[in-house]
Amino acid sequence: MPRLLTHAARLVLRFTPRWRRATGGESGRGGSGVVVRAATRILYVIINMEIGGAERQLAELVTRLSPECFAPHVVCLKGRGPLLEKIVRKNIPHTLYNFPPLDFTRKIRTSLSLLREIRELRRVMKAFNPHIVHAVLPQPCVVAGIAAKIAGVPVLVTSRRSLGCYKEGRFLLRQMENLVNLWADAVVANSEAVKADTLARERINERTLRVIYNGVVIPARREGIGWPEIAGREIAGPVVCCVANFFPYKGHQELVAAADQVVKEIPEATFIFVGDGKLRPQIEQWIEERNLRSRILLLGSREDSTQIMLLSDLVVLASHQEGFPNVLLEAMAVGKPVVATCVGGVPEIVEDRRTGFLVPPKDPERLAAAIIDMLQRPQEVREMGLRGLERVRDLFSVEKMVQSYEDLYLSLLREKGGIA
């Protein structure tokens, strides 16, 4: 079945017209000043709108696109998620499915599920008649990429938002991604590290690869919100915050070990973990084994993580791998310095010893030493935070991210002859 699906998709590639002109809507003007004949309809496809980095970025993008020029429609393959409310409030149309997650190690079952999803997405595309399909995350990139080709959508944009470690042991996924790469007009990586990793792992035309950094909103401080409202009690000493879902690669085991060393040196220090996941029982066990229940607070998945970081003294990320972690941008956007592992696109965000400290992954001793060093130098830490805020304003604003995507969409349409 996987081989049959691959051959079928290749036949689609051969016989589907390369350009099908979509029409309708009123004329508008895009961010680059190019006049387009009609509002550009963009169909976004993602797993769901749960709280996560890719989901936050998509929510910001679709709600900030120029309404005179772009008409977005969001498709979620598996349910809703709290971030969908941001889209609903802006009256952006959306379509929800509840497809089961694809297990790309089980080829026959996955192939059948792929065919069902492709059929449904093709139906949506025929109804919405988009100029552009933009898929986010691996499963949507595969199913939406094939459906877009079958439906004759003029422009296909896919994304790479992390290093490709997720492909290991998933032969079918790798083959499907390589297949979709044949007709993708742009593959957007969110960092130079992710771009380089994609080139190394995939069969892809380098000219289609673009880098658009994630963008972050510079938030306003919410007055009257403190630790009693957030954590249920007052916190007197320095606070170290980690915002990361409980996945093995996020490095919580090393962070718990580092926290043990930090509290021995600075007993009043408190660690706050924001996030959740299947690893939670194991993390609770690590905390219990080191007798740190009073020093490490687990707050679960939260929508107020920005306020939590704002109240903290320091933000830490101990990941073993990362593409371009939003949490570091969010921390710097509230003027907080960071301690982070030097992996993936992290060095593109953090200037070592200017906006924070970079340490090797899986090294709790170096991690603890960096945290202790920063907590013992509060004035220098504040200066690091201010430099980080300026860096975010200059390079990683949400406005710059949205403008980059608007320019990309219009340039791709121009290449296809879709500009009046």
Protein backbone atom coordinates (compact mmCIF):
# COMPACT_ATOMS: atom_id res chain seq x y z
CA MET A 1 0.00 0.00 0.00
CA PRO A 2 2.72 2.61 0.73
CA ARG A 3 4.31 1.88 -2.66
CA LEU A 4 0.91 2.15 -4.36
CA LEU A 5 0.27 5.48 -2.64
CA THR A 6 3.66 6.79 -3.76
CA HIS A 7 3.07 5.75 -7.38
CA ALA A 8 -0.41 7.29 -7.32
CA ALA A 9 0.95 10.56 -6.01
CA ARG A 10 3.66 10.59 -8.68
CA LEU A 11 0.98 10.14 -11.35
CA VAL A 12 -0.87 13.08 -9.82
CA LEU A 13 2.32 15.13 -10.06
CA ARG A 14 2.69 14.23 -13.73
CA PHE A 15 -0.84 14.90 -14.92
CA THR A 16 -2.15 17.67 -12.65
CA PRO A 17 -1.88 21.13 -14.26
CA ARG A 18 0.88 23.15 -12.66
CA TRP A 19 -1.25 26.28 -12.38
CA ARG A 20 -4.98 26.61 -11.82
CA ARG A 21 -5.99 30.25 -11.56
CA ALA A 22 -8.31 31.00 -8.62
CA THR A 23 -10.56 34.03 -8.76
CA GLY A 24 -13.05 35.92 -6.65
CA GLY A 25 -13.10 38.55 -3.94
CA GLU A 26 -12.24 42.22 -4.12
CA SER A 27 -8.97 43.83 -5.02
CA GLY A 28 -6.61 44.79 -2.21
CA ARG A 29 -3.06 45.84 -1.52
CA GLY A 30 -0.47 43.62 0.17
CA GLY A 31 2.32 44.48 2.57
CA SER A 32 4.81 44.96 -0.28
CA GLY A 33 2.53 47.39 -2.12
CA VAL A 34 1.76 44.95 -4.98
CA VAL A 35 -1.78 45.19 -6.27
CA VAL A 36 -3.50 41.81 -6.49
CA ARG A 37 -6.56 41.02 -8.55
CA ALA A 38 -8.45 39.35 -5.70
CA ALA A 39 -8.15 38.78 -1.99
CA THR A 40 -5.67 35.94 -1.69
CA ARG A 41 -7.38 32.92 -0.16
CA ILE A 42 -5.03 30.88 2.02
CA LEU A 43 -5.94 27.51 3.49
CA TYR A 44 -3.87 26.72 6.59
CA VAL A 45 -3.66 23.10 7.73
CA ILE A 46 -2.42 22.12 11.21
CA ILE A 47 -3.01 19.26 13.68
CA ASN A 48 -4.98 21.38 16.19
CA MET A 49 -4.71 24.62 18.13
CA GLU A 50 -3.46 23.25 21.43
CA ILE A 51 -0.95 25.36 23.36
CA GLY A 52 2.37 24.99 21.56
CA GLY A 53 4.94 26.98 19.64
CA ALA A 54 3.73 26.25 16.09
CA GLU A 55 0.12 26.79 17.13
CA ARG A 56 0.86 30.17 18.73
CA GLN A 57 2.73 31.31 15.64
CA LEU A 58 -0.13 30.29 13.36
CA ALA A 59 -2.68 32.05 15.57
CA GLU A 60 -0.66 35.27 15.45
CA LEU A 61 -0.11 35.00 11.70
CA VAL A 62 -3.69 34.40 10.56
CA THR A 63 -5.16 37.03 12.89
CA ARG A 64 -2.67 39.71 11.77
CA LEU A 65 -2.68 39.23 7.99
CA SER A 66 -3.86 42.26 6.04
CA PRO A 67 -7.64 41.65 5.71
CA GLU A 68 -7.76 43.71 2.51
CA CYS A 69 -5.30 41.37 0.83
CA PHE A 70 -5.61 37.95 2.48
CA ALA A 71 -8.55 35.70 3.39
CA PRO A 72 -7.40 32.84 5.65
CA HIS A 73 -9.23 29.60 6.47
CA VAL A 74 -7.84 27.23 9.12
CA VAL A 75 -8.24 23.44 9.02
CA CYS A 76 -7.48 21.40 12.17
CA LEU A 77 -6.99 17.69 11.54
CA LYS A 78 -7.55 16.62 15.14
CA GLY A 79 -9.93 18.67 17.25
CA ARG A 80 -9.83 22.22 18.55
CA GLY A 81 -7.49 23.46 21.27
CA PRO A 82 -7.66 26.66 23.35
CA LEU A 83 -5.79 28.80 20.83
CA LEU A 84 -8.62 28.31 18.35
CA GLU A 85 -10.61 30.90 20.33
CA LYS A 86 -8.20 33.61 19.15
CA ILE A 87 -9.10 32.69 15.57
CA VAL A 88 -12.83 32.46 16.32
CA ARG A 89 -12.83 35.94 17.88
CA LYS A 90 -11.49 37.33 14.60
CA ASN A 91 -14.28 35.57 12.67
CA ILE A 92 -11.77 33.57 10.65
CA PRO A 93 -13.47 30.53 9.08
CA HIS A 94 -12.25 27.13 10.22
CA THR A 95 -12.92 23.46 9.62
CA LEU A 96 -12.43 20.83 12.33
CA TYR A 97 -11.79 17.12 11.90
CA ASN A 98 -11.01 14.44 14.44
CA PHE A 99 -8.71 12.17 12.50
CA PRO A 100 -6.62 9.70 14.56
CA PRO A 101 -2.90 10.49 14.85
CA LEU A 102 -0.83 8.82 12.14
CA ASP A 103 1.73 6.22 13.19
CA PHE A 104 4.22 6.33 10.34
CA THR A 105 5.86 3.11 11.56
CA ARG A 106 2.69 1.10 10.68
CA LYS A 107 2.68 1.39 6.93
CA ILE A 108 -0.58 -0.22 5.82
CA ARG A 109 -2.79 1.43 8.46
CA THR A 110 -1.05 4.76 7.94
CA SER A 111 -1.51 4.56 4.16
CA LEU A 112 -5.25 3.98 4.53
CA SER A 113 -5.57 6.86 7.00
CA LEU A 114 -3.57 9.09 4.67
CA LEU A 115 -5.95 8.36 1.81
CA ARG A 116 -8.98 9.27 3.96
CA GLU A 117 -7.43 12.53 5.10
CA ILE A 118 -6.28 13.45 1.59
CA ARG A 119 -9.80 12.85 0.27
CA GLU A 120 -11.38 15.09 2.93
CA LEU A 121 -8.84 17.87 2.49
CA ARG A 122 -9.29 17.77 -1.27
CA ARG A 123 -13.02 18.27 -0.71
CA VAL A 124 -12.36 21.32 1.50
CA MET A 125 -9.92 22.74 -1.03
CA LYS A 126 -12.41 22.35 -3.86
CA ALA A 127 -15.03 24.20 -1.78
CA PHE A 128 -12.75 27.01 -0.55
CA ASN A 129 -10.82 27.30 -3.83
CA PRO A 130 -7.61 28.66 -2.25
CA HIS A 131 -4.80 30.40 -4.08
CA ILE A 132 -2.35 29.04 -1.49
CA VAL A 133 -2.23 26.06 0.86
CA HIS A 134 0.11 26.50 3.83
CA ALA A 135 0.69 23.37 5.93
CA VAL A 136 2.28 23.40 9.37
CA LEU A 137 3.92 20.38 11.12
CA PRO A 138 4.81 17.00 9.55
CA GLN A 139 1.45 15.23 9.21
CA PRO A 140 -0.34 18.25 7.70
CA CYS A 141 2.57 18.88 5.33
CA VAL A 142 2.18 15.37 3.91
CA VAL A 143 -1.61 15.10 3.65
CA ALA A 144 -2.25 18.72 2.67
CA GLY A 145 0.67 18.67 0.25
CA ILE A 146 -0.75 15.72 -1.68
CA ALA A 147 -4.33 16.98 -1.47
CA ALA A 148 -3.28 20.41 -2.77
CA LYS A 149 -1.62 18.83 -5.78
CA ILE A 150 -4.66 16.70 -6.59
CA ALA A 151 -7.00 19.69 -6.13
CA GLY A 152 -4.87 21.86 -8.40
CA VAL A 153 -4.11 24.55 -5.82
CA PRO A 154 -1.73 27.05 -7.45
CA VAL A 155 0.76 27.50 -4.59
CA LEU A 156 1.88 25.11 -1.85
CA VAL A 157 3.85 26.25 1.20
CA THR A 158 5.06 23.70 3.76
CA SER A 159 7.06 24.18 6.93
CA ARG A 160 9.91 22.74 8.96
CA ARG A 161 9.72 23.91 12.56
CA SER A 162 12.14 21.57 14.31
CA LEU A 163 15.19 19.43 13.70
CA GLY A 164 14.39 16.23 11.84
CA CYS A 165 14.96 13.77 14.68
CA TYR A 166 11.25 12.92 14.55
CA LYS A 167 11.83 11.16 11.19
CA GLU A 168 14.02 8.44 12.69
CA GLY A 169 12.35 5.05 12.31
CA ARG A 170 9.61 6.55 10.10
CA PHE A 171 10.54 5.51 6.58
CA LEU A 172 7.08 6.24 5.16
CA LEU A 173 7.07 9.77 6.56
CA ARG A 174 10.49 10.48 5.06
CA GLN A 175 9.35 9.21 1.66
CA MET A 176 6.14 11.22 1.77
CA GLU A 177 7.97 14.41 2.76
CA ASN A 178 10.46 13.93 -0.07
CA LEU A 179 7.56 13.38 -2.46
CA VAL A 180 5.75 16.56 -1.44
CA ASN A 181 9.06 18.45 -1.73
CA LEU A 182 8.91 17.80 -5.49
CA TRP A 183 6.05 20.26 -5.96
CA ALA A 184 6.21 22.51 -2.89
CA ASP A 185 6.75 26.10 -4.00
CA ALA A 186 8.31 27.08 -0.68
CA VAL A 187 9.44 25.15 2.38
CA VAL A 188 9.75 27.57 5.29
CA ALA A 189 12.21 26.82 8.09
CA ASN A 190 12.07 28.88 11.26
CA SER A 191 15.85 29.02 11.72
CA GLU A 192 19.09 28.58 9.81
CA ALA A 193 19.76 25.48 11.91
CA VAL A 194 16.48 23.90 10.79
CA LYS A 195 17.21 24.85 7.18
CA ALA A 196 20.63 23.17 7.31
CA ASP A 197 19.14 20.08 8.97
CA THR A 198 16.42 19.85 6.32
CA LEU A 199 19.00 20.04 3.52
CA ALA A 200 21.02 17.28 5.16
CA ARG A 201 18.09 14.91 5.72
CA GLU A 202 15.74 15.43 2.76
CA ARG A 203 15.72 15.38 -1.02
CA ILE A 204 14.82 18.99 -1.64
CA ASN A 205 15.63 21.84 -3.99
CA GLU A 206 17.58 24.36 -1.91
CA ARG A 207 16.00 27.23 -3.83
CA THR A 208 12.60 26.42 -2.32
CA LEU A 209 13.91 26.64 1.25
CA ARG A 210 13.26 29.95 3.00
CA VAL A 211 13.96 31.08 6.56
CA ILE A 212 11.35 33.14 8.40
CA TYR A 213 12.03 33.54 12.09
CA ASN A 214 9.23 33.14 14.60
CA GLY A 215 7.74 36.39 15.85
CA VAL A 216 6.74 37.39 19.35
CA VAL A 217 4.43 40.03 20.78
CA ILE A 218 5.95 42.49 23.24
CA PRO A 219 3.34 42.15 26.02
CA ALA A 220 2.09 44.73 28.47
CA ARG A 221 2.51 44.01 32.17
CA ARG A 222 -0.69 42.92 33.88
CA GLU A 223 -0.93 44.79 37.14
CA GLY A 224 -2.38 43.14 40.22
CA ILE A 225 -1.29 39.62 39.21
CA GLY A 226 1.33 38.10 41.50
CA TRP A 227 2.52 34.74 42.79
CA PRO A 228 -0.47 34.19 45.10
CA GLU A 229 -2.81 34.40 42.09
CA ILE A 230 -0.56 32.22 39.92
CA ALA A 231 1.04 29.71 42.28
CA GLY A 232 -1.38 29.83 45.19
CA ARG A 233 1.20 31.24 47.59
CA GLU A 234 3.73 34.03 47.92
CA ILE A 235 7.30 33.37 46.75
CA ALA A 236 9.96 35.43 48.49
CA GLY A 237 13.29 34.34 46.94
CA PRO A 238 14.58 34.31 43.35
CA VAL A 239 12.46 32.38 40.86
CA VAL A 240 13.77 30.32 37.96
CA CYS A 241 11.10 29.50 35.37
CA CYS A 242 11.03 26.74 32.76
CA VAL A 243 8.22 26.72 30.19
CA ALA A 244 8.33 23.42 28.30
CA ASN A 245 5.99 20.50 27.83
CA PHE A 246 7.08 17.31 29.54
CA PHE A 247 8.84 15.53 26.68
CA PRO A 248 12.11 13.61 27.16
CA TYR A 249 14.09 15.90 24.84
CA LYS A 250 13.16 19.00 26.88
CA GLY A 251 15.76 18.05 29.49
CA HIS A 252 13.69 18.16 32.68
CA GLN A 253 15.79 15.39 34.24
CA GLU A 254 18.94 17.50 33.94
CA LEU A 255 17.05 20.57 35.14
CA VAL A 256 15.86 18.81 38.30
CA ALA A 257 19.45 17.69 38.96
CA ALA A 258 20.67 21.26 38.38
CA ALA A 259 17.96 22.66 40.69
CA ASP A 260 19.23 20.34 43.43
CA GLN A 261 22.66 21.94 43.15
CA VAL A 262 21.25 25.48 42.94
CA VAL A 263 19.15 25.25 46.12
CA LYS A 264 22.15 23.94 48.04
CA GLU A 265 23.96 27.16 47.10
CA ILE A 266 20.91 29.47 47.18
CA PRO A 267 18.37 27.82 49.54
CA GLU A 268 15.66 30.44 48.96
CA ALA A 269 15.57 29.82 45.17
CA THR A 270 12.35 28.41 43.70
CA PHE A 271 11.91 26.65 40.36
CA ILE A 272 8.62 26.87 38.44
CA PHE A 273 7.86 24.30 35.74
CA VAL A 274 5.10 25.34 33.31
CA GLY A 275 3.94 22.53 31.02
CA ASP A 276 2.52 19.05 31.09
CA GLY A 277 2.75 15.69 29.36
CA LYS A 278 3.17 11.95 29.79
CA LEU A 279 6.52 12.42 31.54
CA ARG A 280 4.91 14.20 34.51
CA PRO A 281 4.87 11.15 36.86
CA GLN A 282 8.57 10.59 36.17
CA ILE A 283 9.38 14.25 36.83
CA GLU A 284 7.43 14.11 40.08
CA GLN A 285 9.47 11.06 41.05
CA TRP A 286 12.76 12.82 40.30
CA ILE A 287 11.63 15.77 42.43
CA GLU A 288 10.61 13.45 45.29
CA GLU A 289 13.87 11.51 45.17
CA ARG A 290 15.83 14.74 45.65
CA ASN A 291 13.45 16.08 48.31
CA LEU A 292 12.68 19.16 46.23
CA ARG A 293 8.89 19.30 46.50
CA SER A 294 9.03 22.64 48.30
CA ARG A 295 11.51 24.13 45.80
CA ILE A 296 10.07 22.98 42.45
CA LEU A 297 6.46 23.87 41.66
CA LEU A 298 4.64 22.16 38.78
CA LEU A 299 1.96 24.52 37.47
CA GLY A 300 0.79 22.43 34.52
CA SER A 301 -0.11 23.77 31.08
CA ARG A 302 -0.97 27.47 31.34
CA GLU A 303 -2.14 30.23 29.04
CA ASP A 304 -0.55 32.87 31.32
CA SER A 305 3.04 31.66 30.86
CA THR A 306 4.11 35.14 29.74
CA GLN A 307 2.99 36.63 33.06
CA ILE A 308 4.77 33.83 34.93
CA MET A 309 8.01 34.59 33.10
CA LEU A 310 7.57 38.30 33.75
CA LEU A 311 7.39 37.65 37.51
CA SER A 312 10.41 35.34 37.42
CA ASP A 313 14.06 36.35 37.69
CA LEU A 314 15.41 33.96 35.10
CA VAL A 315 14.09 31.65 32.37
CA VAL A 316 15.77 28.30 31.66
CA LEU A 317 15.52 25.86 28.77
CA ALA A 318 17.48 22.60 29.11
CA SER A 319 16.51 20.92 25.82
CA HIS A 320 18.58 18.25 24.10
CA GLN A 321 17.38 19.50 20.70
CA GLU A 322 15.43 22.50 19.43
CA GLY A 323 14.58 24.10 16.12
CA PHE A 324 13.78 27.66 17.20
CA PRO A 325 12.14 27.70 20.64
CA ASN A 326 9.46 30.35 21.03
CA VAL A 327 9.79 30.36 24.80
CA LEU A 328 13.19 32.06 24.60
CA LEU A 329 11.73 34.83 22.43
CA GLU A 330 8.83 35.19 24.89
CA ALA A 331 11.23 35.41 27.83
CA MET A 332 13.37 38.05 26.13
CA ALA A 333 10.23 39.97 25.13
CA VAL A 334 9.46 40.54 28.83
CA GLY A 335 13.04 41.56 29.54
CA LYS A 336 14.22 38.32 31.13
CA PRO A 337 17.69 36.84 30.61
CA VAL A 338 17.89 33.15 29.79
CA VAL A 339 20.06 30.13 30.44
CA ALA A 340 19.68 27.70 27.56
CA THR A 341 21.40 24.71 26.04
CA CYS A 342 23.40 25.44 22.89
CA VAL A 343 21.37 23.30 20.47
CA GLY A 344 19.69 23.83 17.10
CA GLY A 345 18.60 27.41 16.50
CA VAL A 346 19.09 28.55 20.11
CA PRO A 347 22.38 30.42 19.32
CA GLU A 348 20.45 32.40 16.68
CA ILE A 349 18.27 33.76 19.50
CA VAL A 350 20.57 34.05 22.51
CA GLU A 351 23.81 36.00 22.42
CA ASP A 352 26.02 34.17 24.91
CA ARG A 353 26.91 36.38 27.90
CA ARG A 354 25.02 39.34 26.40
CA THR A 355 21.38 38.27 26.61
CA GLY A 356 21.94 35.09 28.60
CA PHE A 357 24.18 32.06 29.02
CA LEU A 358 24.54 29.10 26.67
CA VAL A 359 25.58 25.75 28.13
CA PRO A 360 26.09 22.25 26.68
CA PRO A 361 23.07 19.91 26.64
CA LYS A 362 22.77 17.05 29.16
CA ASP A 363 25.21 18.74 31.55
CA PRO A 364 23.43 19.53 34.85
CA GLU A 365 26.64 20.78 36.49
CA ARG A 366 27.23 23.46 33.85
CA LEU A 367 23.54 24.31 33.86
CA ALA A 368 23.51 24.75 37.63
CA ALA A 369 26.69 26.84 37.57
CA ALA A 370 25.20 29.23 35.00
CA ILE A 371 21.97 29.62 36.99
CA ILE A 372 23.88 30.27 40.23
CA ASP A 373 26.17 32.76 38.51
CA MET A 374 23.25 34.75 37.14
CA LEU A 375 21.20 34.72 40.35
CA GLN A 376 24.19 36.08 42.25
CA ARG A 377 24.58 39.06 39.87
CA PRO A 378 21.14 40.70 39.76
CA GLN A 379 22.26 44.00 38.24
CA GLU A 380 24.08 42.34 35.34
CA VAL A 381 21.11 40.04 34.88
CA ARG A 382 18.78 43.02 34.50
CA GLU A 383 21.10 44.51 31.87
CA MET A 384 21.12 41.19 29.99
CA GLY A 385 17.33 41.22 30.04
CA LEU A 386 17.18 44.72 28.55
CA ARG A 387 19.60 43.74 25.78
CA GLY A 388 17.47 40.70 25.06
CA LEU A 389 14.35 42.87 24.79
CA GLU A 390 16.07 45.12 22.24
CA ARG A 391 17.19 42.08 20.26
CA VAL A 392 13.62 40.80 20.08
CA ARG A 393 12.34 44.19 18.93
CA ASP A 394 14.97 44.37 16.20
CA LEU A 395 14.87 40.79 14.87
CA PHE A 396 11.94 38.78 16.17
CA SER A 397 8.84 40.97 16.34
CA VAL A 398 5.52 39.43 15.31
CA GLU A 399 5.05 42.31 12.87
CA LYS A 400 8.26 41.37 11.06
CA MET A 401 7.20 37.72 10.92
CA VAL A 402 3.79 38.55 9.44
CA GLN A 403 5.31 40.95 6.91
CA SER A 404 7.78 38.26 5.81
CA TYR A 405 4.96 35.78 5.15
CA GLU A 406 2.86 38.36 3.30
CA ASP A 407 5.83 39.16 1.08
CA LEU A 408 6.47 35.45 0.49
CA TYR A 409 2.86 34.74 -0.49
CA LEU A 410 2.75 37.64 -2.95
CA SER A 411 6.11 36.75 -4.48
CA LEU A 412 5.03 33.15 -5.03
CA LEU A 413 1.79 34.29 -6.68
CA ARG A 414 3.77 36.68 -8.84
CA GLU A 415 6.00 33.81 -9.97
CA LYS A 416 2.90 31.83 -10.95
CA GLY A 417 1.38 34.75 -12.82
CA GLY A 418 -1.28 35.37 -10.15
CA ILE A 419 -0.80 39.14 -10.00
CA ALA A 420 -3.05 41.40 -12.05
